[in-house]
PDB file of N, CA and C in Angstrom:
ATOM      1  N   MET A   1     160.600  19.963  94.071  1.00  0.00           N
ATOM      2  CA  MET A   1     160.444  19.062  92.966  1.00  0.00           C
ATOM      3  C   MET A   1     160.858  19.762  91.600  1.00  0.00           C
ATOM      4  N   ALA A   2     160.514  21.023  91.471  1.00  0.00           N
ATOM      5  CA  ALA A   2     160.862  21.744  90.251  1.00  0.00           C
ATOM      6  C   ALA A   2     162.391  21.968  90.109  1.00  0.00           C
ATOM      7  N   ASN A   3     163.102  22.066  91.211  1.00  0.00           N
ATOM      8  CA  ASN A   3     164.571  22.250  91.167  1.00  0.00           C
ATOM      9  C   ASN A   3     165.250  21.076  90.527  1.00  0.00           C
ATOM     10  N   LYS A   4     164.726  19.881  90.673  1.00  0.00           N
ATOM     11  CA  LYS A   4     165.292  18.711  90.066  1.00  0.00           C
ATOM     12  C   LYS A   4     165.257  18.811  88.526  1.00  0.00           C
ATOM     13  N   TYR A   5     164.282  19.471  87.999  1.00  0.00           N
ATOM     14  CA  TYR A   5     164.168  19.562  86.531  1.00  0.00           C
ATOM     15  C   TYR A   5     164.973  20.812  85.990  1.00  0.00           C
ATOM     16  N   LEU A   6     165.249  21.754  86.817  1.00  0.00           N
ATOM     17  CA  LEU A   6     165.964  22.926  86.342  1.00  0.00           C
ATOM     18  C   LEU A   6     167.514  22.684  86.233  1.00  0.00           C
ATOM     19  N   LEU A   7     168.019  21.803  87.046  1.00  0.00           N
ATOM     20  CA  LEU A   7     169.459  21.543  87.007  1.00  0.00           C
ATOM     21  C   LEU A   7     169.970  21.090  85.618  1.00  0.00           C
ATOM     22  N   PRO A   8     169.316  20.163  84.946  1.00  0.00           N
ATOM     23  CA  PRO A   8     169.777  19.843  83.626  1.00  0.00           C
ATOM     24  C   PRO A   8     169.736  20.971  82.604  1.00  0.00           C
ATOM     25  N   LEU A   9     168.895  21.951  82.819  1.00  0.00           N
ATOM     26  CA  LEU A   9     168.833  23.113  81.952  1.00  0.00           C
ATOM     27  C   LEU A   9     170.015  23.990  82.139  1.00  0.00           C
ATOM     28  N   PHE A  10     170.484  24.198  83.391  1.00  0.00           N
ATOM     29  CA  PHE A  10     171.531  25.140  83.676  1.00  0.00           C
ATOM     30  C   PHE A  10     172.955  24.521  83.651  1.00  0.00           C
ATOM     31  N   LEU A  11     173.034  23.233  83.719  1.00  0.00           N
ATOM     32  CA  LEU A  11     174.340  22.570  83.732  1.00  0.00           C
ATOM     33  C   LEU A  11     175.153  22.880  82.496  1.00  0.00           C
ATOM     34  N   PRO A  12     174.589  22.887  81.275  1.00  0.00           N
ATOM     35  CA  PRO A  12     175.426  23.214  80.103  1.00  0.00           C
ATOM     36  C   PRO A  12     175.919  24.664  80.147  1.00  0.00           C
ATOM     37  N   LEU A  13     175.189  25.546  80.730  1.00  0.00           N
ATOM     38  CA  LEU A  13     175.636  26.937  80.839  1.00  0.00           C
ATOM     39  C   LEU A  13     176.840  27.067  81.784  1.00  0.00           C
ATOM     40  N   ILE A  14     176.880  26.280  82.822  1.00  0.00           N
ATOM     41  CA  ILE A  14     177.970  26.279  83.769  1.00  0.00           C
ATOM     42  C   ILE A  14     179.247  25.699  83.083  1.00  0.00           C
ATOM     43  N   VAL A  15     179.114  24.659  82.297  1.00  0.00           N
ATOM     44  CA  VAL A  15     180.201  24.037  81.635  1.00  0.00           C
ATOM     45  C   VAL A  15     180.747  24.980  80.551  1.00  0.00           C
ATOM     46  N   ILE A  16     179.902  25.611  79.785  1.00  0.00           N
ATOM     47  CA  ILE A  16     180.314  26.520  78.748  1.00  0.00           C
ATOM     48  C   ILE A  16     181.071  27.736  79.315  1.00  0.00           C
ATOM     49  N   SER A  17     180.607  28.295  80.408  1.00  0.00           N
ATOM     50  CA  SER A  17     181.216  29.477  80.946  1.00  0.00           C
ATOM     51  C   SER A  17     182.553  29.200  81.605  1.00  0.00           C
ATOM     52  N   SER A  18     182.845  27.937  81.876  1.00  0.00           N
ATOM     53  CA  SER A  18     184.122  27.611  82.518  1.00  0.00           C
ATOM     54  C   SER A  18     185.221  27.266  81.490  1.00  0.00           C
ATOM     55  N   VAL A  19     184.883  27.221  80.222  1.00  0.00           N
ATOM     56  CA  VAL A  19     185.882  26.941  79.171  1.00  0.00           C
ATOM     57  C   VAL A  19     186.725  28.201  78.907  1.00  0.00           C
ATOM     58  N   SER A  20     188.026  28.095  78.975  1.00  0.00           N
ATOM     59  CA  SER A  20     188.832  29.305  78.754  1.00  0.00           C
ATOM     60  C   SER A  20     189.253  29.365  77.251  1.00  0.00           C
ATOM     61  N   ALA A  21     189.410  30.600  76.854  1.00  0.00           N
ATOM     62  CA  ALA A  21     189.778  30.794  75.436  1.00  0.00           C
ATOM     63  C   ALA A  21     191.342  30.706  75.306  1.00  0.00           C
ATOM     64  N   ASN A  22     191.746  30.340  74.123  1.00  0.00           N
ATOM     65  CA  ASN A  22     193.166  30.247  73.790  1.00  0.00           C
ATOM     66  C   ASN A  22     193.326  30.868  72.419  1.00  0.00           C
ATOM     67  N   PHE A  23     193.997  32.011  72.371  1.00  0.00           N
ATOM     68  CA  PHE A  23     194.096  32.747  71.127  1.00  0.00           C
ATOM     69  C   PHE A  23     194.837  31.959  70.081  1.00  0.00           C
ATOM     70  N   GLN A  24     195.826  31.149  70.431  1.00  0.00           N
ATOM     71  CA  GLN A  24     196.576  30.363  69.458  1.00  0.00           C
ATOM     72  C   GLN A  24     195.656  29.390  68.783  1.00  0.00           C
ATOM     73  N   ARG A  25     194.713  28.844  69.495  1.00  0.00           N
ATOM     74  CA  ARG A  25     193.769  27.888  68.977  1.00  0.00           C
ATOM     75  C   ARG A  25     192.527  28.520  68.323  1.00  0.00           C
ATOM     76  N   ASP A  26     192.099  29.652  68.820  1.00  0.00           N
ATOM     77  CA  ASP A  26     190.800  30.192  68.428  1.00  0.00           C
ATOM     78  C   ASP A  26     190.830  31.373  67.447  1.00  0.00           C
ATOM     79  N   VAL A  27     191.899  32.046  67.244  1.00  0.00           N
ATOM     80  CA  VAL A  27     191.934  33.178  66.350  1.00  0.00           C
ATOM     81  C   VAL A  27     193.130  33.106  65.411  1.00  0.00           C
ATOM     82  N   GLU A  28     192.999  33.904  64.328  1.00  0.00           N
ATOM     83  CA  GLU A  28     194.029  34.028  63.366  1.00  0.00           C
ATOM     84  C   GLU A  28     194.345  35.497  63.156  1.00  0.00           C
ATOM     85  N   ILE A  29     195.617  35.912  63.265  1.00  0.00           N
ATOM     86  CA  ILE A  29     195.983  37.285  62.974  1.00  0.00           C
ATOM     87  C   ILE A  29     195.915  37.432  61.461  1.00  0.00           C
ATOM     88  N   THR A  30     195.058  38.300  60.986  1.00  0.00           N
ATOM     89  CA  THR A  30     194.796  38.388  59.562  1.00  0.00           C
ATOM     90  C   THR A  30     195.634  39.457  58.829  1.00  0.00           C
ATOM     91  N   TRP A  31     196.060  40.449  59.552  1.00  0.00           N
ATOM     92  CA  TRP A  31     196.917  41.496  58.893  1.00  0.00           C
ATOM     93  C   TRP A  31     197.643  42.280  59.960  1.00  0.00           C
ATOM     94  N   GLY A  32     198.692  42.955  59.528  1.00  0.00           N
ATOM     95  CA  GLY A  32     199.436  43.797  60.447  1.00  0.00           C
ATOM     96  C   GLY A  32     200.943  43.718  60.309  1.00  0.00           C
ATOM     97  N   ASP A  33     201.435  42.799  59.465  1.00  0.00           N
ATOM     98  CA  ASP A  33     202.903  42.721  59.246  1.00  0.00           C
ATOM     99  C   ASP A  33     203.668  42.650  60.511  1.00  0.00           C
ATOM    100  N   GLY A  34     203.317  41.720  61.428  1.00  0.00           N
ATOM    101  CA  GLY A  34     204.032  41.559  62.648  1.00  0.00           C
ATOM    102  C   GLY A  34     203.541  42.410  63.802  1.00  0.00           C
ATOM    103  N   ARG A  35     202.550  43.255  63.589  1.00  0.00           N
ATOM    104  CA  ARG A  35     202.064  44.126  64.657  1.00  0.00           C
ATOM    105  C   ARG A  35     201.097  43.426  65.618  1.00  0.00           C
ATOM    106  N   GLY A  36     200.625  42.264  65.206  1.00  0.00           N
ATOM    107  CA  GLY A  36     199.772  41.490  66.088  1.00  0.00           C
ATOM    108  C   GLY A  36     200.519  40.256  66.601  1.00  0.00           C
ATOM    109  N   GLN A  37     200.478  39.965  67.873  1.00  0.00           N
ATOM    110  CA  GLN A  37     201.185  38.882  68.443  1.00  0.00           C
ATOM    111  C   GLN A  37     200.337  38.146  69.484  1.00  0.00           C
ATOM    112  N   ILE A  38     200.509  36.833  69.542  1.00  0.00           N
ATOM    113  CA  ILE A  38     199.891  36.007  70.557  1.00  0.00           C
ATOM    114  C   ILE A  38     201.003  35.481  71.449  1.00  0.00           C
ATOM    115  N   THR A  39     200.843  35.768  72.768  1.00  0.00           N
ATOM    116  CA  THR A  39     201.901  35.400  73.762  1.00  0.00           C
ATOM    117  C   THR A  39     201.255  34.776  74.945  1.00  0.00           C
ATOM    118  N   ASN A  40     202.097  34.441  75.911  1.00  0.00           N
ATOM    119  CA  ASN A  40     201.672  33.786  77.208  1.00  0.00           C
ATOM    120  C   ASN A  40     200.874  32.552  76.958  1.00  0.00           C
ATOM    121  N   ASP A  41     201.457  31.631  76.114  1.00  0.00           N
ATOM    122  CA  ASP A  41     200.796  30.365  75.820  1.00  0.00           C
ATOM    123  C   ASP A  41     199.367  30.524  75.279  1.00  0.00           C
ATOM    124  N   GLY A  42     199.159  31.592  74.490  1.00  0.00           N
ATOM    125  CA  GLY A  42     197.837  31.768  73.926  1.00  0.00           C
ATOM    126  C   GLY A  42     196.868  32.551  74.734  1.00  0.00           C
ATOM    127  N   GLU A  43     197.271  33.070  75.904  1.00  0.00           N
ATOM    128  CA  GLU A  43     196.366  33.793  76.799  1.00  0.00           C
ATOM    129  C   GLU A  43     196.295  35.298  76.514  1.00  0.00           C
ATOM    130  N   LEU A  44     197.236  35.795  75.725  1.00  0.00           N
ATOM    131  CA  LEU A  44     197.305  37.247  75.494  1.00  0.00           C
ATOM    132  C   LEU A  44     197.484  37.515  73.973  1.00  0.00           C
ATOM    133  N   LEU A  45     196.622  38.407  73.485  1.00  0.00           N
ATOM    134  CA  LEU A  45     196.681  38.868  72.127  1.00  0.00           C
ATOM    135  C   LEU A  45     196.948  40.366  72.146  1.00  0.00           C
ATOM    136  N   THR A  46     198.032  40.777  71.507  1.00  0.00           N
ATOM    137  CA  THR A  46     198.371  42.194  71.445  1.00  0.00           C
ATOM    138  C   THR A  46     198.266  42.657  69.976  1.00  0.00           C
ATOM    139  N   LEU A  47     197.625  43.776  69.757  1.00  0.00           N
ATOM    140  CA  LEU A  47     197.532  44.385  68.467  1.00  0.00           C
ATOM    141  C   LEU A  47     198.097  45.794  68.542  1.00  0.00           C
ATOM    142  N   SER A  48     198.937  46.154  67.594  1.00  0.00           N
ATOM    143  CA  SER A  48     199.599  47.476  67.597  1.00  0.00           C
ATOM    144  C   SER A  48     199.122  48.323  66.442  1.00  0.00           C
ATOM    145  N   LEU A  49     199.223  49.626  66.658  1.00  0.00           N
ATOM    146  CA  LEU A  49     198.843  50.595  65.655  1.00  0.00           C
ATOM    147  C   LEU A  49     199.958  51.627  65.608  1.00  0.00           C
ATOM    148  N   ASP A  50     200.457  51.905  64.434  1.00  0.00           N
ATOM    149  CA  ASP A  50     201.449  52.967  64.272  1.00  0.00           C
ATOM    150  C   ASP A  50     201.056  53.914  63.139  1.00  0.00           C
ATOM    151  N   LYS A  51     201.982  54.768  62.733  1.00  0.00           N
ATOM    152  CA  LYS A  51     201.636  55.777  61.758  1.00  0.00           C
ATOM    153  C   LYS A  51     201.289  55.212  60.373  1.00  0.00           C
ATOM    154  N   SER A  52     201.844  54.001  60.083  1.00  0.00           N
ATOM    155  CA  SER A  52     201.637  53.473  58.732  1.00  0.00           C
ATOM    156  C   SER A  52     200.536  52.405  58.643  1.00  0.00           C
ATOM    157  N   SER A  53     200.231  51.684  59.743  1.00  0.00           N
ATOM    158  CA  SER A  53     199.231  50.656  59.641  1.00  0.00           C
ATOM    159  C   SER A  53     198.783  50.206  61.065  1.00  0.00           C
ATOM    160  N   GLY A  54     197.920  49.260  61.092  1.00  0.00           N
ATOM    161  CA  GLY A  54     197.466  48.659  62.305  1.00  0.00           C
ATOM    162  C   GLY A  54     197.607  47.144  62.248  1.00  0.00           C
ATOM    163  N   SER A  55     196.704  46.456  62.919  1.00  0.00           N
ATOM    164  CA  SER A  55     196.683  45.007  62.874  1.00  0.00           C
ATOM    165  C   SER A  55     195.285  44.514  63.177  1.00  0.00           C
ATOM    166  N   GLY A  56     195.039  43.250  62.832  1.00  0.00           N
ATOM    167  CA  GLY A  56     193.700  42.732  63.022  1.00  0.00           C
ATOM    168  C   GLY A  56     193.721  41.214  63.201  1.00  0.00           C
ATOM    169  N   PHE A  57     192.630  40.705  63.737  1.00  0.00           N
ATOM    170  CA  PHE A  57     192.486  39.267  63.901  1.00  0.00           C
ATOM    171  C   PHE A  57     191.090  38.845  63.606  1.00  0.00           C
ATOM    172  N   GLN A  58     190.915  37.554  63.374  1.00  0.00           N
ATOM    173  CA  GLN A  58     189.630  36.982  63.070  1.00  0.00           C
ATOM    174  C   GLN A  58     189.445  35.689  63.811  1.00  0.00           C
ATOM    175  N   SER A  59     188.290  35.456  64.329  1.00  0.00           N
ATOM    176  CA  SER A  59     187.992  34.216  65.014  1.00  0.00           C
ATOM    177  C   SER A  59     187.905  33.073  64.001  1.00  0.00           C
ATOM    178  N   LYS A  60     188.402  31.912  64.402  1.00  0.00           N
ATOM    179  CA  LYS A  60     188.333  30.731  63.546  1.00  0.00           C
ATOM    180  C   LYS A  60     186.929  30.094  63.622  1.00  0.00           C
ATOM    181  N   ASN A  61     186.171  30.502  64.631  1.00  0.00           N
ATOM    182  CA  ASN A  61     184.771  30.003  64.824  1.00  0.00           C
ATOM    183  C   ASN A  61     183.784  31.156  64.686  1.00  0.00           C
ATOM    184  N   GLU A  62     182.543  30.830  64.443  1.00  0.00           N
ATOM    185  CA  GLU A  62     181.499  31.823  64.310  1.00  0.00           C
ATOM    186  C   GLU A  62     180.707  31.841  65.614  1.00  0.00           C
ATOM    187  N   TYR A  63     180.473  33.057  66.143  1.00  0.00           N
ATOM    188  CA  TYR A  63     179.746  33.214  67.418  1.00  0.00           C
ATOM    189  C   TYR A  63     178.622  34.197  67.211  1.00  0.00           C
ATOM    190  N   LEU A  64     177.580  34.026  68.031  1.00  0.00           N
ATOM    191  CA  LEU A  64     176.461  34.971  67.984  1.00  0.00           C
ATOM    192  C   LEU A  64     176.867  36.311  68.638  1.00  0.00           C
ATOM    193  N   PHE A  65     177.624  36.257  69.681  1.00  0.00           N
ATOM    194  CA  PHE A  65     178.078  37.471  70.329  1.00  0.00           C
ATOM    195  C   PHE A  65     179.383  37.186  71.145  1.00  0.00           C
ATOM    196  N   GLY A  66     180.013  38.218  71.603  1.00  0.00           N
ATOM    197  CA  GLY A  66     181.251  38.080  72.386  1.00  0.00           C
ATOM    198  C   GLY A  66     181.608  39.355  73.052  1.00  0.00           C
ATOM    199  N   LYS A  67     182.672  39.296  73.887  1.00  0.00           N
ATOM    200  CA  LYS A  67     183.093  40.438  74.639  1.00  0.00           C
ATOM    201  C   LYS A  67     184.632  40.525  74.591  1.00  0.00           C
ATOM    202  N   ILE A  68     185.122  41.698  74.386  1.00  0.00           N
ATOM    203  CA  ILE A  68     186.576  41.895  74.396  1.00  0.00           C
ATOM    204  C   ILE A  68     186.838  43.063  75.340  1.00  0.00           C
ATOM    205  N   ASP A  69     187.729  42.844  76.302  1.00  0.00           N
ATOM    206  CA  ASP A  69     188.097  43.932  77.235  1.00  0.00           C
ATOM    207  C   ASP A  69     189.418  44.512  76.734  1.00  0.00           C
ATOM    208  N   MET A  70     189.449  45.864  76.773  1.00  0.00           N
ATOM    209  CA  MET A  70     190.668  46.563  76.347  1.00  0.00           C
ATOM    210  C   MET A  70     191.155  47.442  77.462  1.00  0.00           C
TER     211      MET A  70
END
């Protein structure tokens, strides 16, 4: 009986976790003079660092927490 009431609580978590990110839609490259690039239809964000400068990006949305794998 209790399982029937738990499903509506966990269903939003399942939907949220299945949404994929798209860098073209979700972030803005804020600096780097061409050293930051978004490729593969928004699936890949590359940031470069050289002797004179680096690059950076900023999310267009505000989040409580996140994870970035490098």
